[in-house]
């Protein structure tokens, strides 16, 4: 099993969620996060004063899936979240040692 973690722009969340549902992904976790990459934040003007914003709002999407599905799901997220502009985000895939569904006690792939 794999954990796919994607950091995407907030306005792409709905499209990514819909694409994952159409692909048959049965669950995901979404978190509002902040961070910066190569762009290193940006400058804004508020009431005539310019100030630097170090951390940009992002969305973290996490999906647990079978090993065979991880590349296809990561590619689907990347294709759906891509705007072609700086700050589109990152995706990484982590191997999971185990998964346990709390409600039923199912373990491993049955818990997905």
Protein backbone atom coordinates (compact mmCIF):
# COMPACT_ATOMS: atom_id res chain seq x y z
CA UNK A 1 0.00 0.00 0.00
CA UNK A 2 1.08 3.56 -0.63
CA UNK A 3 0.28 6.98 0.80
CA UNK A 4 0.10 9.67 -1.88
CA UNK A 5 0.57 13.18 -0.53
CA UNK A 6 -0.06 16.14 -2.81
CA UNK A 7 0.39 19.83 -2.08
CA UNK A 8 -1.79 21.82 -4.51
CA UNK A 9 -3.20 25.29 -5.03
CA UNK A 10 -6.47 25.83 -3.11
CA UNK A 11 -8.55 26.67 -6.18
CA UNK A 12 -7.70 23.28 -7.77
CA UNK A 13 -9.09 21.21 -4.86
CA UNK A 14 -12.61 20.72 -6.26
CA UNK A 15 -11.32 19.56 -9.64
CA UNK A 16 -8.85 17.14 -8.03
CA UNK A 17 -11.54 15.75 -5.71
CA UNK A 18 -13.95 15.18 -8.62
CA UNK A 19 -11.25 13.48 -10.71
CA UNK A 20 -10.36 11.16 -7.81
CA UNK A 21 -14.03 10.26 -7.26
CA UNK A 22 -14.43 9.45 -10.97
CA UNK A 23 -11.30 7.25 -10.73
CA UNK A 24 -12.97 5.31 -7.91
CA UNK A 25 -10.93 6.59 -4.99
CA UNK A 26 -13.11 5.91 -1.95
CA UNK A 27 -11.55 8.32 0.52
CA UNK A 28 -9.06 11.09 1.02
CA UNK A 29 -7.92 13.57 3.63
CA UNK A 30 -7.66 17.31 2.97
CA UNK A 31 -5.79 19.84 5.13
CA UNK A 32 -5.23 23.55 4.77
CA UNK A 33 -1.50 24.19 5.03
CA UNK A 34 0.99 26.98 4.38
CA UNK A 35 4.41 26.91 2.84
CA UNK A 36 6.71 28.10 0.11
CA UNK A 37 8.89 26.60 -2.54
CA UNK A 38 11.20 28.16 -5.05
CA UNK A 39 9.08 31.30 -5.27
CA UNK A 40 9.83 32.03 -1.59
CA UNK A 41 6.57 33.86 -0.87
CA UNK A 42 5.44 37.13 -2.42
CA UNK A 43 4.96 40.82 -1.71
CA UNK A 44 1.56 42.44 -1.16
CA UNK A 45 0.39 46.00 -0.68
CA UNK A 46 -2.08 46.76 2.14
CA UNK A 47 -3.24 50.32 2.83
CA UNK A 48 -0.30 51.72 0.91
CA UNK A 49 2.35 49.67 2.72
CA UNK A 50 4.18 46.84 1.03
CA UNK A 51 4.94 43.76 3.06
CA UNK A 52 6.36 40.32 2.33
CA UNK A 53 4.28 37.17 2.81
CA UNK A 54 6.60 34.23 3.52
CA UNK A 55 4.03 31.43 3.53
CA UNK A 56 1.44 30.86 0.84
CA UNK A 57 -1.86 29.03 1.42
CA UNK A 58 -1.86 25.50 0.01
CA UNK A 59 -3.98 22.36 0.26
CA UNK A 60 -2.58 18.99 1.32
CA UNK A 61 -4.43 16.01 -0.15
CA UNK A 62 -3.64 12.51 1.14
CA UNK A 63 -4.83 9.27 -0.46
CA UNK A 64 -4.07 5.70 0.61
CA UNK A 65 -4.18 3.20 -2.24
CA UNK A 66 -2.96 -0.17 -3.46
CA UNK A 67 0.58 -0.34 -4.83
CA UNK A 68 -0.67 -0.95 -8.37
CA UNK A 69 -2.80 2.22 -8.35
CA UNK A 70 -0.30 4.71 -6.91
CA UNK A 71 1.37 5.90 -10.12
CA UNK A 72 -1.95 6.34 -11.93
CA UNK A 73 -3.48 8.27 -9.03
CA UNK A 74 -0.41 10.51 -8.65
CA UNK A 75 -0.48 11.24 -12.38
CA UNK A 76 -4.21 11.99 -12.24
CA UNK A 77 -3.68 14.47 -9.38
CA UNK A 78 -0.76 16.13 -11.19
CA UNK A 79 -2.68 16.45 -14.47
CA UNK A 80 -5.76 17.85 -12.72
CA UNK A 81 -3.91 20.26 -10.40
CA UNK A 82 -1.50 21.61 -13.03
CA UNK A 83 -1.95 25.27 -14.02
CA UNK A 84 1.46 25.66 -15.61
CA UNK A 85 2.38 28.49 -13.26
CA UNK A 86 4.84 28.65 -10.40
CA UNK A 87 3.55 27.16 -7.16
CA UNK A 88 1.54 24.27 -8.65
CA UNK A 89 2.85 22.04 -5.86
CA UNK A 90 4.45 18.65 -5.29
CA UNK A 91 3.40 15.02 -4.98
CA UNK A 92 5.24 12.28 -3.14
CA UNK A 93 4.47 8.61 -2.64
CA UNK A 94 5.32 6.82 0.60
CA UNK A 95 5.22 3.09 1.23
CA UNK A 96 2.97 2.09 4.11
CA UNK A 97 3.80 -0.71 6.50
CA UNK A 98 0.17 -1.25 7.46
CA UNK A 99 -3.33 0.17 7.62
CA UNK A 100 -6.08 -0.56 10.17
CA UNK A 101 -9.72 0.48 9.83
CA UNK A 102 -10.75 1.45 13.35
CA UNK A 103 -14.48 0.77 12.97
CA UNK A 104 -14.23 -2.81 11.66
CA UNK A 105 -10.73 -3.87 12.68
CA UNK A 106 -9.85 -4.74 9.06
CA UNK A 107 -6.13 -4.77 8.39
CA UNK A 108 -4.07 -4.22 5.23
CA UNK A 109 -5.69 -3.89 1.79
CA UNK A 110 -9.11 -4.83 3.24
CA UNK A 111 -8.97 -1.62 5.28
CA UNK A 112 -8.87 0.53 2.15
